[in-house]
Amino acid sequence: MSARTPPFAVAASLLIAAPAAASVTPADLEPAFTGTVISTYPDGRQGKLWLNRDGSYKGQGRRGHLSSGRWSLKGDRICLRQSRPVPVPFQYCTDVPDEGTTSWTEKAVTGEQLQMELVAGR
């Protein structure tokens, strides 16, 4: 990813099968640790996000640029902070979708409406 496509646009996404009504735990995100979160932008291009159990993530923006950073949980929200290629001085936080949800819509940090999907495999 690049400064032109914040990694959070891909991430704005996240996640995965966890109950939105209660505090989310890392165990609730298990499907994301073995899958790929795909963000489809209005222009049809796609970004990808991979969460790791150790609290790190990697992403590939819709222009093919790579990024990485750390994720954390705050209540029923997942928060992402990019560290590469350029550290970003803020976190992007978004609600975790309801348990069992594998596709949903999300708003990117850029304001664009994204179609999100959690697919099996990396």
PDB file of N, CA and C in Angstrom:
ATOM      1  N   MET A   1       0.813  -1.171   0.000  1.00  0.00           N
ATOM      2  CA  MET A   1       0.000   0.000   0.000  1.00  0.00           C
ATOM      3  C   MET A   1       0.855   1.231   0.000  1.00  0.00           C
ATOM      4  N   SER A   2       0.269   2.339  -0.298  1.00  0.00           N
ATOM      5  CA  SER A   2       1.019   3.580  -0.336  1.00  0.00           C
ATOM      6  C   SER A   2       0.238   4.639   0.401  1.00  0.00           C
ATOM      7  N   ALA A   3       0.830   5.826   0.487  1.00  0.00           N
ATOM      8  CA  ALA A   3       0.130   6.926   1.129  1.00  0.00           C
ATOM      9  C   ALA A   3      -1.139   7.254   0.349  1.00  0.00           C
ATOM     10  N   ARG A   4      -1.156   6.925  -0.943  1.00  0.00           N
ATOM     11  CA  ARG A   4      -2.339   7.185  -1.755  1.00  0.00           C
ATOM     12  C   ARG A   4      -3.465   6.217  -1.441  1.00  0.00           C
ATOM     13  N   THR A   5      -3.138   5.054  -1.000  1.00  0.00           N
ATOM     14  CA  THR A   5      -4.139   4.058  -0.626  1.00  0.00           C
ATOM     15  C   THR A   5      -3.839   3.597   0.780  1.00  0.00           C
ATOM     16  N   PRO A   6      -4.417   4.263   1.772  1.00  0.00           N
ATOM     17  CA  PRO A   6      -4.124   3.893   3.151  1.00  0.00           C
ATOM     18  C   PRO A   6      -4.402   2.417   3.385  1.00  0.00           C
ATOM     19  N   PRO A   7      -3.541   1.762   4.125  1.00  0.00           N
ATOM     20  CA  PRO A   7      -3.718   0.354   4.382  1.00  0.00           C
ATOM     21  C   PRO A   7      -5.013   0.138   5.111  1.00  0.00           C
ATOM     22  N   PHE A   8      -5.463   1.172   5.749  1.00  0.00           N
ATOM     23  CA  PHE A   8      -6.675   1.035   6.519  1.00  0.00           C
ATOM     24  C   PHE A   8      -7.863   0.883   5.611  1.00  0.00           C
ATOM     25  N   ALA A   9      -7.725   1.295   4.364  1.00  0.00           N
ATOM     26  CA  ALA A   9      -8.810   1.077   3.429  1.00  0.00           C
ATOM     27  C   ALA A   9      -9.005  -0.417   3.252  1.00  0.00           C
ATOM     28  N   VAL A  10      -7.931  -1.132   3.191  1.00  0.00           N
ATOM     29  CA  VAL A  10      -8.031  -2.587   3.106  1.00  0.00           C
ATOM     30  C   VAL A  10      -8.512  -3.107   4.438  1.00  0.00           C
ATOM     31  N   ALA A  11      -7.945  -2.627   5.453  1.00  0.00           N
ATOM     32  CA  ALA A  11      -8.233  -3.113   6.760  1.00  0.00           C
ATOM     33  C   ALA A  11      -9.582  -2.740   7.257  1.00  0.00           C
ATOM     34  N   ALA A  12     -10.057  -1.697   6.828  1.00  0.00           N
ATOM     35  CA  ALA A  12     -11.296  -1.184   7.318  1.00  0.00           C
ATOM     36  C   ALA A  12     -12.293  -2.245   7.417  1.00  0.00           C
ATOM     37  N   SER A  13     -11.977  -3.182   7.295  1.00  0.00           N
ATOM     38  CA  SER A  13     -12.554  -4.356   7.006  1.00  0.00           C
ATOM     39  C   SER A  13     -12.632  -5.242   8.128  1.00  0.00           C
ATOM     40  N   LEU A  14     -11.741  -5.608   8.382  1.00  0.00           N
ATOM     41  CA  LEU A  14     -11.419  -6.714   9.130  1.00  0.00           C
ATOM     42  C   LEU A  14     -12.600  -7.320   9.643  1.00  0.00           C
ATOM     43  N   LEU A  15     -12.873  -7.883   9.665  1.00  0.00           N
ATOM     44  CA  LEU A  15     -12.984  -8.914  10.444  1.00  0.00           C
ATOM     45  C   LEU A  15     -14.236  -9.529  10.722  1.00  0.00           C
ATOM     46  N   ILE A  16     -14.198 -10.327  10.954  1.00  0.00           N
ATOM     47  CA  ILE A  16     -14.415 -11.659  10.782  1.00  0.00           C
ATOM     48  C   ILE A  16     -15.437 -12.194  11.704  1.00  0.00           C
ATOM     49  N   ALA A  17     -15.371 -13.346  12.065  1.00  0.00           N
ATOM     50  CA  ALA A  17     -16.453 -14.006  12.745  1.00  0.00           C
ATOM     51  C   ALA A  17     -16.369 -13.809  14.236  1.00  0.00           C
ATOM     52  N   ALA A  18     -16.991 -12.772  14.723  1.00  0.00           N
ATOM     53  CA  ALA A  18     -16.992 -12.538  16.160  1.00  0.00           C
ATOM     54  C   ALA A  18     -18.295 -11.866  16.542  1.00  0.00           C
ATOM     55  N   PRO A  19     -18.746 -12.058  17.758  1.00  0.00           N
ATOM     56  CA  PRO A  19     -19.995 -11.436  18.182  1.00  0.00           C
ATOM     57  C   PRO A  19     -19.809  -9.952  18.398  1.00  0.00           C
ATOM     58  N   ALA A  20     -20.607  -9.139  17.716  1.00  0.00           N
ATOM     59  CA  ALA A  20     -20.460  -7.696  17.818  1.00  0.00           C
ATOM     60  C   ALA A  20     -20.988  -7.155  19.138  1.00  0.00           C
ATOM     61  N   ALA A  21     -21.850  -7.869  19.817  1.00  0.00           N
ATOM     62  CA  ALA A  21     -22.475  -7.352  21.021  1.00  0.00           C
ATOM     63  C   ALA A  21     -21.559  -7.398  22.239  1.00  0.00           C
ATOM     64  N   ALA A  22     -20.590  -8.270  22.266  1.00  0.00           N
ATOM     65  CA  ALA A  22     -19.709  -8.413  23.419  1.00  0.00           C
ATOM     66  C   ALA A  22     -18.287  -8.088  23.008  1.00  0.00           C
ATOM     67  N   SER A  23     -17.409  -8.004  23.985  1.00  0.00           N
ATOM     68  CA  SER A  23     -16.013  -7.767  23.664  1.00  0.00           C
ATOM     69  C   SER A  23     -15.471  -8.918  22.833  1.00  0.00           C
ATOM     70  N   VAL A  24     -14.743  -8.552  21.811  1.00  0.00           N
ATOM     71  CA  VAL A  24     -14.145  -9.527  20.906  1.00  0.00           C
ATOM     72  C   VAL A  24     -12.825  -9.998  21.497  1.00  0.00           C
ATOM     73  N   THR A  25     -12.522 -11.265  21.306  1.00  0.00           N
ATOM     74  CA  THR A  25     -11.240 -11.817  21.742  1.00  0.00           C
ATOM     75  C   THR A  25     -10.473 -12.290  20.508  1.00  0.00           C
ATOM     76  N   PRO A  26      -9.155 -12.461  20.619  1.00  0.00           N
ATOM     77  CA  PRO A  26      -8.401 -12.982  19.471  1.00  0.00           C
ATOM     78  C   PRO A  26      -8.953 -14.312  18.958  1.00  0.00           C
ATOM     79  N   ALA A  27      -9.475 -15.146  19.844  1.00  0.00           N
ATOM     80  CA  ALA A  27     -10.040 -16.430  19.406  1.00  0.00           C
ATOM     81  C   ALA A  27     -11.207 -16.225  18.442  1.00  0.00           C
ATOM     82  N   ASP A  28     -11.942 -15.119  18.597  1.00  0.00           N
ATOM     83  CA  ASP A  28     -13.059 -14.823  17.703  1.00  0.00           C
ATOM     84  C   ASP A  28     -12.594 -14.540  16.279  1.00  0.00           C
ATOM     85  N   LEU A  29     -11.344 -14.162  16.125  1.00  0.00           N
ATOM     86  CA  LEU A  29     -10.805 -13.807  14.813  1.00  0.00           C
ATOM     87  C   LEU A  29     -10.140 -14.979  14.104  1.00  0.00           C
ATOM     88  N   GLU A  30     -10.244 -16.155  14.672  1.00  0.00           N
ATOM     89  CA  GLU A  30      -9.543 -17.331  14.129  1.00  0.00           C
ATOM     90  C   GLU A  30      -9.710 -17.509  12.619  1.00  0.00           C
ATOM     91  N   PRO A  31     -10.912 -17.342  12.058  1.00  0.00           N
ATOM     92  CA  PRO A  31     -11.030 -17.512  10.601  1.00  0.00           C
ATOM     93  C   PRO A  31     -10.120 -16.564   9.810  1.00  0.00           C
ATOM     94  N   ALA A  32      -9.868 -15.396  10.340  1.00  0.00           N
ATOM     95  CA  ALA A  32      -9.011 -14.433   9.635  1.00  0.00           C
ATOM     96  C   ALA A  32      -7.546 -14.832   9.674  1.00  0.00           C
ATOM     97  N   PHE A  33      -7.141 -15.602  10.668  1.00  0.00           N
ATOM     98  CA  PHE A  33      -5.733 -15.988  10.785  1.00  0.00           C
ATOM     99  C   PHE A  33      -5.331 -17.017   9.729  1.00  0.00           C
ATOM    100  N   THR A  34      -6.300 -17.677   9.150  1.00  0.00           N
ATOM    101  CA  THR A  34      -6.003 -18.659   8.105  1.00  0.00           C
ATOM    102  C   THR A  34      -6.601 -18.247   6.762  1.00  0.00           C
ATOM    103  N   GLY A  35      -7.247 -17.100   6.729  1.00  0.00           N
ATOM    104  CA  GLY A  35      -7.907 -16.631   5.515  1.00  0.00           C
ATOM    105  C   GLY A  35      -7.348 -15.306   5.025  1.00  0.00           C
ATOM    106  N   THR A  36      -8.025 -14.754   4.053  1.00  0.00           N
ATOM    107  CA  THR A  36      -7.667 -13.477   3.441  1.00  0.00           C
ATOM    108  C   THR A  36      -8.895 -12.589   3.449  1.00  0.00           C
ATOM    109  N   VAL A  37      -8.739 -11.342   3.887  1.00  0.00           N
ATOM    110  CA  VAL A  37      -9.811 -10.362   3.811  1.00  0.00           C
ATOM    111  C   VAL A  37      -9.601  -9.590   2.510  1.00  0.00           C
ATOM    112  N   ILE A  38     -10.591  -9.645   1.626  1.00  0.00           N
ATOM    113  CA  ILE A  38     -10.504  -8.968   0.335  1.00  0.00           C
ATOM    114  C   ILE A  38     -11.437  -7.766   0.349  1.00  0.00           C
ATOM    115  N   SER A  39     -10.891  -6.604  -0.025  1.00  0.00           N
ATOM    116  CA  SER A  39     -11.655  -5.365  -0.131  1.00  0.00           C
ATOM    117  C   SER A  39     -11.807  -5.035  -1.607  1.00  0.00           C
ATOM    118  N   THR A  40     -13.038  -4.924  -2.083  1.00  0.00           N
ATOM    119  CA  THR A  40     -13.265  -4.554  -3.477  1.00  0.00           C
ATOM    120  C   THR A  40     -13.754  -3.110  -3.511  1.00  0.00           C
ATOM    121  N   TYR A  41     -13.020  -2.282  -4.249  1.00  0.00           N
ATOM    122  CA  TYR A  41     -13.306  -0.853  -4.358  1.00  0.00           C
ATOM    123  C   TYR A  41     -14.336  -0.599  -5.454  1.00  0.00           C
ATOM    124  N   PRO A  42     -14.938   0.602  -5.464  1.00  0.00           N
ATOM    125  CA  PRO A  42     -15.932   0.920  -6.493  1.00  0.00           C
ATOM    126  C   PRO A  42     -15.403   0.758  -7.924  1.00  0.00           C
ATOM    127  N   ASP A  43     -14.099   0.944  -8.128  1.00  0.00           N
ATOM    128  CA  ASP A  43     -13.529   0.800  -9.476  1.00  0.00           C
ATOM    129  C   ASP A  43     -13.219  -0.653  -9.835  1.00  0.00           C
ATOM    130  N   GLY A  44     -13.535  -1.600  -8.931  1.00  0.00           N
ATOM    131  CA  GLY A  44     -13.329  -3.016  -9.195  1.00  0.00           C
ATOM    132  C   GLY A  44     -11.984  -3.566  -8.741  1.00  0.00           C
ATOM    133  N   ARG A  45     -11.034  -2.680  -8.422  1.00  0.00           N
ATOM    134  CA  ARG A  45      -9.739  -3.174  -7.951  1.00  0.00           C
ATOM    135  C   ARG A  45      -9.890  -3.706  -6.534  1.00  0.00           C
ATOM    136  N   GLN A  46      -8.958  -4.590  -6.154  1.00  0.00           N
ATOM    137  CA  GLN A  46      -9.053  -5.237  -4.852  1.00  0.00           C
ATOM    138  C   GLN A  46      -7.778  -5.074  -4.043  1.00  0.00           C
ATOM    139  N   GLY A  47      -7.964  -4.970  -2.738  1.00  0.00           N
ATOM    140  CA  GLY A  47      -6.864  -5.007  -1.785  1.00  0.00           C
ATOM    141  C   GLY A  47      -7.023  -6.262  -0.940  1.00  0.00           C
ATOM    142  N   LYS A  48      -5.935  -6.688  -0.325  1.00  0.00           N
ATOM    143  CA  LYS A  48      -5.968  -7.891   0.511  1.00  0.00           C
ATOM    144  C   LYS A  48      -5.330  -7.604   1.860  1.00  0.00           C
ATOM    145  N   LEU A  49      -5.829  -8.295   2.869  1.00  0.00           N
ATOM    146  CA  LEU A  49      -5.328  -8.131   4.227  1.00  0.00           C
ATOM    147  C   LEU A  49      -5.181  -9.502   4.868  1.00  0.00           C
ATOM    148  N   TRP A  50      -4.045  -9.700   5.546  1.00  0.00           N
ATOM    149  CA  TRP A  50      -3.780 -10.953   6.250  1.00  0.00           C
ATOM    150  C   TRP A  50      -3.458 -10.638   7.700  1.00  0.00           C
ATOM    151  N   LEU A  51      -4.263 -11.144   8.615  1.00  0.00           N
ATOM    152  CA  LEU A  51      -4.029 -10.972  10.053  1.00  0.00           C
ATOM    153  C   LEU A  51      -3.226 -12.154  10.574  1.00  0.00           C
ATOM    154  N   ASN A  52      -2.346 -11.887  11.507  1.00  0.00           N
ATOM    155  CA  ASN A  52      -1.561 -12.941  12.156  1.00  0.00           C
ATOM    156  C   ASN A  52      -1.899 -12.991  13.638  1.00  0.00           C
ATOM    157  N   ARG A  53      -1.812 -14.178  14.220  1.00  0.00           N
ATOM    158  CA  ARG A  53      -2.141 -14.370  15.640  1.00  0.00           C
ATOM    159  C   ARG A  53      -1.277 -13.524  16.562  1.00  0.00           C
ATOM    160  N   ASP A  54      -0.061 -13.186  16.145  1.00  0.00           N
ATOM    161  CA  ASP A  54       0.861 -12.433  17.004  1.00  0.00           C
ATOM    162  C   ASP A  54       0.556 -10.939  17.068  1.00  0.00           C
ATOM    163  N   GLY A  55      -0.543 -10.497  16.451  1.00  0.00           N
ATOM    164  CA  GLY A  55      -0.926  -9.090  16.487  1.00  0.00           C
ATOM    165  C   GLY A  55      -0.383  -8.282  15.320  1.00  0.00           C
ATOM    166  N   SER A  56       0.256  -8.929  14.376  1.00  0.00           N
ATOM    167  CA  SER A  56       0.754  -8.225  13.191  1.00  0.00           C
ATOM    168  C   SER A  56      -0.212  -8.446  12.023  1.00  0.00           C
ATOM    169  N   TYR A  57      -0.078  -7.602  11.018  1.00  0.00           N
ATOM    170  CA  TYR A  57      -0.835  -7.806   9.788  1.00  0.00           C
ATOM    171  C   TYR A  57       0.031  -7.406   8.601  1.00  0.00           C
ATOM    172  N   LYS A  58      -0.343  -7.919   7.442  1.00  0.00           N
ATOM    173  CA  LYS A  58       0.251  -7.512   6.171  1.00  0.00           C
ATOM    174  C   LYS A  58      -0.891  -7.206   5.231  1.00  0.00           C
ATOM    175  N   GLY A  59      -0.656  -6.256   4.344  1.00  0.00           N
ATOM    176  CA  GLY A  59      -1.679  -5.894   3.384  1.00  0.00           C
ATOM    177  C   GLY A  59      -1.090  -5.632   2.018  1.00  0.00           C
ATOM    178  N   GLN A  60      -1.942  -5.762   1.024  1.00  0.00           N
ATOM    179  CA  GLN A  60      -1.584  -5.398  -0.341  1.00  0.00           C
ATOM    180  C   GLN A  60      -2.708  -4.517  -0.849  1.00  0.00           C
ATOM    181  N   GLY A  61      -2.380  -3.281  -1.167  1.00  0.00           N
ATOM    182  CA  GLY A  61      -3.382  -2.330  -1.610  1.00  0.00           C
ATOM    183  C   GLY A  61      -3.856  -2.590  -3.023  1.00  0.00           C
ATOM    184  N   ARG A  62      -4.876  -1.896  -3.417  1.00  0.00           N
ATOM    185  CA  ARG A  62      -5.460  -2.096  -4.744  1.00  0.00           C
ATOM    186  C   ARG A  62      -4.507  -1.749  -5.872  1.00  0.00           C
ATOM    187  N   ARG A  63      -3.456  -1.001  -5.571  1.00  0.00           N
ATOM    188  CA  ARG A  63      -2.434  -0.690  -6.576  1.00  0.00           C
ATOM    189  C   ARG A  63      -1.240  -1.638  -6.479  1.00  0.00           C
ATOM    190  N   GLY A  64      -1.344  -2.640  -5.591  1.00  0.00           N
ATOM    191  CA  GLY A  64      -0.293  -3.640  -5.464  1.00  0.00           C
ATOM    192  C   GLY A  64       0.778  -3.314  -4.440  1.00  0.00           C
ATOM    193  N   HIS A  65       0.696  -2.150  -3.801  1.00  0.00           N
ATOM    194  CA  HIS A  65       1.691  -1.757  -2.807  1.00  0.00           C
ATOM    195  C   HIS A  65       1.492  -2.548  -1.519  1.00  0.00           C
ATOM    196  N   LEU A  66       2.595  -2.937  -0.899  1.00  0.00           N
ATOM    197  CA  LEU A  66       2.548  -3.718   0.337  1.00  0.00           C
ATOM    198  C   LEU A  66       2.634  -2.819   1.558  1.00  0.00           C
ATOM    199  N   SER A  67       2.012  -3.245   2.632  1.00  0.00           N
ATOM    200  CA  SER A  67       2.089  -2.535   3.910  1.00  0.00           C
ATOM    201  C   SER A  67       2.070  -3.571   5.025  1.00  0.00           C
ATOM    202  N   SER A  68       2.394  -3.111   6.216  1.00  0.00           N
ATOM    203  CA  SER A  68       2.314  -3.987   7.383  1.00  0.00           C
ATOM    204  C   SER A  68       2.175  -3.128   8.621  1.00  0.00           C
ATOM    205  N   GLY A  69       1.776  -3.762   9.701  1.00  0.00           N
ATOM    206  CA  GLY A  69       1.595  -3.049  10.951  1.00  0.00           C
ATOM    207  C   GLY A  69       1.107  -3.990  12.032  1.00  0.00           C
ATOM    208  N   ARG A  70       0.438  -3.412  13.024  1.00  0.00           N
ATOM    209  CA  ARG A  70      -0.065  -4.160  14.174  1.00  0.00           C
ATOM    210  C   ARG A  70      -1.570  -3.959  14.272  1.00  0.00           C
ATOM    211  N   TRP A  71      -2.247  -4.989  14.752  1.00  0.00           N
ATOM    212  CA  TRP A  71      -3.666  -4.877  15.045  1.00  0.00           C
ATOM    213  C   TRP A  71      -3.873  -5.102  16.539  1.00  0.00           C
ATOM    214  N   SER A  72      -4.960  -4.539  17.060  1.00  0.00           N
ATOM    215  CA  SER A  72      -5.327  -4.736  18.463  1.00  0.00           C
ATOM    216  C   SER A  72      -6.850  -4.702  18.561  1.00  0.00           C
ATOM    217  N   LEU A  73      -7.363  -5.215  19.660  1.00  0.00           N
ATOM    218  CA  LEU A  73      -8.799  -5.214  19.902  1.00  0.00           C
ATOM    219  C   LEU A  73      -9.132  -4.214  20.995  1.00  0.00           C
ATOM    220  N   LYS A  74     -10.214  -3.480  20.784  1.00  0.00           N
ATOM    221  CA  LYS A  74     -10.727  -2.533  21.774  1.00  0.00           C
ATOM    222  C   LYS A  74     -12.229  -2.751  21.851  1.00  0.00           C
ATOM    223  N   GLY A  75     -12.658  -3.501  22.863  1.00  0.00           N
ATOM    224  CA  GLY A  75     -14.082  -3.825  22.980  1.00  0.00           C
ATOM    225  C   GLY A  75     -14.509  -4.701  21.822  1.00  0.00           C
ATOM    226  N   ASP A  76     -15.478  -4.213  21.025  1.00  0.00           N
ATOM    227  CA  ASP A  76     -15.946  -4.982  19.871  1.00  0.00           C
ATOM    228  C   ASP A  76     -15.384  -4.432  18.561  1.00  0.00           C
ATOM    229  N   ARG A  77     -14.243  -3.753  18.653  1.00  0.00           N
ATOM    230  CA  ARG A  77     -13.616  -3.146  17.476  1.00  0.00           C
ATOM    231  C   ARG A  77     -12.201  -3.674  17.284  1.00  0.00           C
ATOM    232  N   ILE A  78     -11.789  -3.734  16.033  1.00  0.00           N
ATOM    233  CA  ILE A  78     -10.403  -4.063  15.713  1.00  0.00           C
ATOM    234  C   ILE A  78      -9.747  -2.785  15.205  1.00  0.00           C
ATOM    235  N   CYS A  79      -8.539  -2.553  15.655  1.00  0.00           N
ATOM    236  CA  CYS A  79      -7.812  -1.340  15.305  1.00  0.00           C
ATOM    237  C   CYS A  79      -6.502  -1.719  14.625  1.00  0.00           C
ATOM    238  N   LEU A  80      -6.170  -0.996  13.576  1.00  0.00           N
ATOM    239  CA  LEU A  80      -4.949  -1.241  12.817  1.00  0.00           C
ATOM    240  C   LEU A  80      -4.070   0.000  12.836  1.00  0.00           C
ATOM    241  N   ARG A  81      -2.781  -0.229  13.002  1.00  0.00           N
ATOM    242  CA  ARG A  81      -1.812   0.867  12.938  1.00  0.00           C
ATOM    243  C   ARG A  81      -0.697   0.436  11.992  1.00  0.00           C
ATOM    244  N   GLN A  82      -0.567   1.172  10.896  1.00  0.00           N
ATOM    245  CA  GLN A  82       0.459   0.860   9.894  1.00  0.00           C
ATOM    246  C   GLN A  82       1.833   1.283  10.387  1.00  0.00           C
ATOM    247  N   SER A  83       2.830   0.406  10.168  1.00  0.00           N
ATOM    248  CA  SER A  83       4.215   0.756  10.492  1.00  0.00           C
ATOM    249  C   SER A  83       5.102   0.805   9.248  1.00  0.00           C
ATOM    250  N   ARG A  84       4.722   0.104   8.178  1.00  0.00           N
ATOM    251  CA  ARG A  84       5.490   0.110   6.928  1.00  0.00           C
ATOM    252  C   ARG A  84       4.540   0.195   5.741  1.00  0.00           C
ATOM    253  N   PRO A  85       4.899   0.850   4.663  1.00  0.00           N
ATOM    254  CA  PRO A  85       6.210   1.411   4.401  1.00  0.00           C
ATOM    255  C   PRO A  85       6.455   2.729   5.121  1.00  0.00           C
ATOM    256  N   VAL A  86       5.381   3.397   5.527  1.00  0.00           N
ATOM    257  CA  VAL A  86       5.506   4.656   6.257  1.00  0.00           C
ATOM    258  C   VAL A  86       4.669   4.543   7.525  1.00  0.00           C
ATOM    259  N   PRO A  87       5.252   4.787   8.699  1.00  0.00           N
ATOM    260  CA  PRO A  87       4.454   4.762   9.929  1.00  0.00           C
ATOM    261  C   PRO A  87       3.343   5.816   9.866  1.00  0.00           C
ATOM    262  N   VAL A  88       2.158   5.429  10.282  1.00  0.00           N
ATOM    263  CA  VAL A  88       1.018   6.336  10.299  1.00  0.00           C
ATOM    264  C   VAL A  88       0.736   6.684  11.758  1.00  0.00           C
ATOM    265  N   PRO A  89       0.565   7.969  12.075  1.00  0.00           N
ATOM    266  CA  PRO A  89       0.426   8.392  13.472  1.00  0.00           C
ATOM    267  C   PRO A  89      -0.969   8.212  14.078  1.00  0.00           C
ATOM    268  N   PHE A  90      -1.799   7.399  13.478  1.00  0.00           N
ATOM    269  CA  PHE A  90      -3.125   7.149  14.042  1.00  0.00           C
ATOM    270  C   PHE A  90      -3.508   5.701  13.778  1.00  0.00           C
ATOM    271  N   GLN A  91      -4.537   5.252  14.481  1.00  0.00           N
ATOM    272  CA  GLN A  91      -5.092   3.912  14.273  1.00  0.00           C
ATOM    273  C   GLN A  91      -6.390   4.034  13.497  1.00  0.00           C
ATOM    274  N   TYR A  92      -6.697   3.016  12.744  1.00  0.00           N
ATOM    275  CA  TYR A  92      -8.003   2.916  12.115  1.00  0.00           C
ATOM    276  C   TYR A  92      -8.746   1.805  12.840  1.00  0.00           C
ATOM    277  N   CYS A  93      -9.899   2.117  13.404  1.00  0.00           N
ATOM    278  CA  CYS A  93     -10.693   1.127  14.139  1.00  0.00           C
ATOM    279  C   CYS A  93     -12.034   0.932  13.444  1.00  0.00           C
ATOM    280  N   THR A  94     -12.507  -0.300  13.451  1.00  0.00           N
ATOM    281  CA  THR A  94     -13.786  -0.625  12.838  1.00  0.00           C
ATOM    282  C   THR A  94     -14.445  -1.759  13.622  1.00  0.00           C
ATOM    283  N   ASP A  95     -15.765  -1.810  13.569  1.00  0.00           N
ATOM    284  CA  ASP A  95     -16.489  -2.889  14.242  1.00  0.00           C
ATOM    285  C   ASP A  95     -16.146  -4.229  13.613  1.00  0.00           C
ATOM    286  N   VAL A  96     -16.120  -5.250  14.430  1.00  0.00           N
ATOM    287  CA  VAL A  96     -15.949  -6.617  13.949  1.00  0.00           C
ATOM    288  C   VAL A  96     -17.336  -7.117  13.549  1.00  0.00           C
ATOM    289  N   PRO A  97     -17.487  -7.660  12.334  1.00  0.00           N
ATOM    290  CA  PRO A  97     -18.804  -8.160  11.910  1.00  0.00           C
ATOM    291  C   PRO A  97     -19.327  -9.266  12.824  1.00  0.00           C
ATOM    292  N   ASP A  98     -20.619  -9.486  12.750  1.00  0.00           N
ATOM    293  CA  ASP A  98     -21.257 -10.540  13.541  1.00  0.00           C
ATOM    294  C   ASP A  98     -20.659 -11.907  13.227  1.00  0.00           C
ATOM    295  N   GLU A  99     -20.754 -12.788  14.185  1.00  0.00           N
ATOM    296  CA  GLU A  99     -20.234 -14.150  14.042  1.00  0.00           C
ATOM    297  C   GLU A  99     -20.784 -14.823  12.790  1.00  0.00           C
ATOM    298  N   GLY A 100     -19.898 -15.466  12.059  1.00  0.00           N
ATOM    299  CA  GLY A 100     -20.293 -16.188  10.858  1.00  0.00           C
ATOM    300  C   GLY A 100     -20.366 -15.346   9.600  1.00  0.00           C
ATOM    301  N   THR A 101     -20.222 -14.039   9.726  1.00  0.00           N
ATOM    302  CA  THR A 101     -20.288 -13.161   8.565  1.00  0.00           C
ATOM    303  C   THR A 101     -19.036 -13.331   7.712  1.00  0.00           C
ATOM    304  N   THR A 102     -19.218 -13.561   6.421  1.00  0.00           N
ATOM    305  CA  THR A 102     -18.066 -13.681   5.522  1.00  0.00           C
ATOM    306  C   THR A 102     -18.069 -12.620   4.431  1.00  0.00           C
ATOM    307  N   SER A 103     -19.144 -11.840   4.317  1.00  0.00           N
ATOM    308  CA  SER A 103     -19.145 -10.706   3.394  1.00  0.00           C
ATOM    309  C   SER A 103     -19.962  -9.581   4.013  1.00  0.00           C
ATOM    310  N   TRP A 104     -19.526  -8.353   3.782  1.00  0.00           N
ATOM    311  CA  TRP A 104     -20.154  -7.185   4.376  1.00  0.00           C
ATOM    312  C   TRP A 104     -19.669  -5.952   3.629  1.00  0.00           C
ATOM    313  N   THR A 105     -20.292  -4.811   3.907  1.00  0.00           N
ATOM    314  CA  THR A 105     -19.831  -3.545   3.334  1.00  0.00           C
ATOM    315  C   THR A 105     -19.126  -2.767   4.426  1.00  0.00           C
ATOM    316  N   GLU A 106     -18.222  -1.928   4.013  1.00  0.00           N
ATOM    317  CA  GLU A 106     -17.415  -1.151   4.948  1.00  0.00           C
ATOM    318  C   GLU A 106     -17.072   0.169   4.287  1.00  0.00           C
ATOM    319  N   LYS A 107     -16.785   1.158   5.098  1.00  0.00           N
ATOM    320  CA  LYS A 107     -16.358   2.452   4.586  1.00  0.00           C
ATOM    321  C   LYS A 107     -14.861   2.581   4.815  1.00  0.00           C
ATOM    322  N   ALA A 108     -14.126   2.840   3.751  1.00  0.00           N
ATOM    323  CA  ALA A 108     -12.679   3.018   3.842  1.00  0.00           C
ATOM    324  C   ALA A 108     -12.362   4.341   4.516  1.00  0.00           C
ATOM    325  N   VAL A 109     -11.150   4.466   4.994  1.00  0.00           N
ATOM    326  CA  VAL A 109     -10.711   5.711   5.608  1.00  0.00           C
ATOM    327  C   VAL A 109     -10.783   6.855   4.592  1.00  0.00           C
ATOM    328  N   THR A 110     -10.755   6.527   3.316  1.00  0.00           N
ATOM    329  CA  THR A 110     -10.868   7.517   2.242  1.00  0.00           C
ATOM    330  C   THR A 110     -12.317   7.910   1.979  1.00  0.00           C
ATOM    331  N   GLY A 111     -13.264   7.216   2.622  1.00  0.00           N
ATOM    332  CA  GLY A 111     -14.676   7.503   2.445  1.00  0.00           C
ATOM    333  C   GLY A 111     -15.365   6.624   1.411  1.00  0.00           C
ATOM    334  N   GLU A 112     -14.602   5.850   0.669  1.00  0.00           N
ATOM    335  CA  GLU A 112     -15.180   4.981  -0.352  1.00  0.00           C
ATOM    336  C   GLU A 112     -15.915   3.802   0.281  1.00  0.00           C
ATOM    337  N   GLN A 113     -16.986   3.371  -0.369  1.00  0.00           N
ATOM    338  CA  GLN A 113     -17.726   2.187   0.068  1.00  0.00           C
ATOM    339  C   GLN A 113     -17.011   0.950  -0.462  1.00  0.00           C
ATOM    340  N   LEU A 114     -16.687   0.019   0.418  1.00  0.00           N
ATOM    341  CA  LEU A 114     -15.984  -1.200   0.039  1.00  0.00           C
ATOM    342  C   LEU A 114     -16.888  -2.406   0.206  1.00  0.00           C
ATOM    343  N   GLN A 115     -16.723  -3.375  -0.663  1.00  0.00           N
ATOM    344  CA  GLN A 115     -17.349  -4.684  -0.507  1.00  0.00           C
ATOM    345  C   GLN A 115     -16.278  -5.590   0.082  1.00  0.00           C
ATOM    346  N   MET A 116     -16.532  -6.127   1.253  1.00  0.00           N
ATOM    347  CA  MET A 116     -15.555  -6.931   1.972  1.00  0.00           C
ATOM    348  C   MET A 116     -15.942  -8.400   1.909  1.00  0.00           C
ATOM    349  N   GLU A 117     -14.909  -9.251   1.879  1.00  0.00           N
ATOM    350  CA  GLU A 117     -15.162 -10.689   1.891  1.00  0.00           C
ATOM    351  C   GLU A 117     -13.998 -11.392   2.580  1.00  0.00           C
ATOM    352  N   LEU A 118     -14.325 -12.328   3.442  1.00  0.00           N
ATOM    353  CA  LEU A 118     -13.324 -13.189   4.066  1.00  0.00           C
ATOM    354  C   LEU A 118     -13.340 -14.502   3.309  1.00  0.00           C
ATOM    355  N   VAL A 119     -12.192 -14.851   2.709  1.00  0.00           N
ATOM    356  CA  VAL A 119     -12.103 -16.096   1.945  1.00  0.00           C
ATOM    357  C   VAL A 119     -11.076 -17.015   2.595  1.00  0.00           C
ATOM    358  N   ALA A 120     -11.249 -18.302   2.394  1.00  0.00           N
ATOM    359  CA  ALA A 120     -10.323 -19.288   2.948  1.00  0.00           C
ATOM    360  C   ALA A 120      -8.985 -19.218   2.220  1.00  0.00           C
ATOM    361  N   GLY A 121      -7.926 -19.474   2.957  1.00  0.00           N
ATOM    362  CA  GLY A 121      -6.589 -19.544   2.369  1.00  0.00           C
ATOM    363  C   GLY A 121      -5.873 -18.216   2.341  1.00  0.00           C
ATOM    364  N   ARG A 122      -4.582 -18.336   2.211  1.00  0.00           N
ATOM    365  CA  ARG A 122      -3.728 -17.148   2.193  1.00  0.00           C
ATOM    366  C   ARG A 122      -3.130 -16.927   0.838  1.00  0.00           C
TER     367      ARG A 122
END
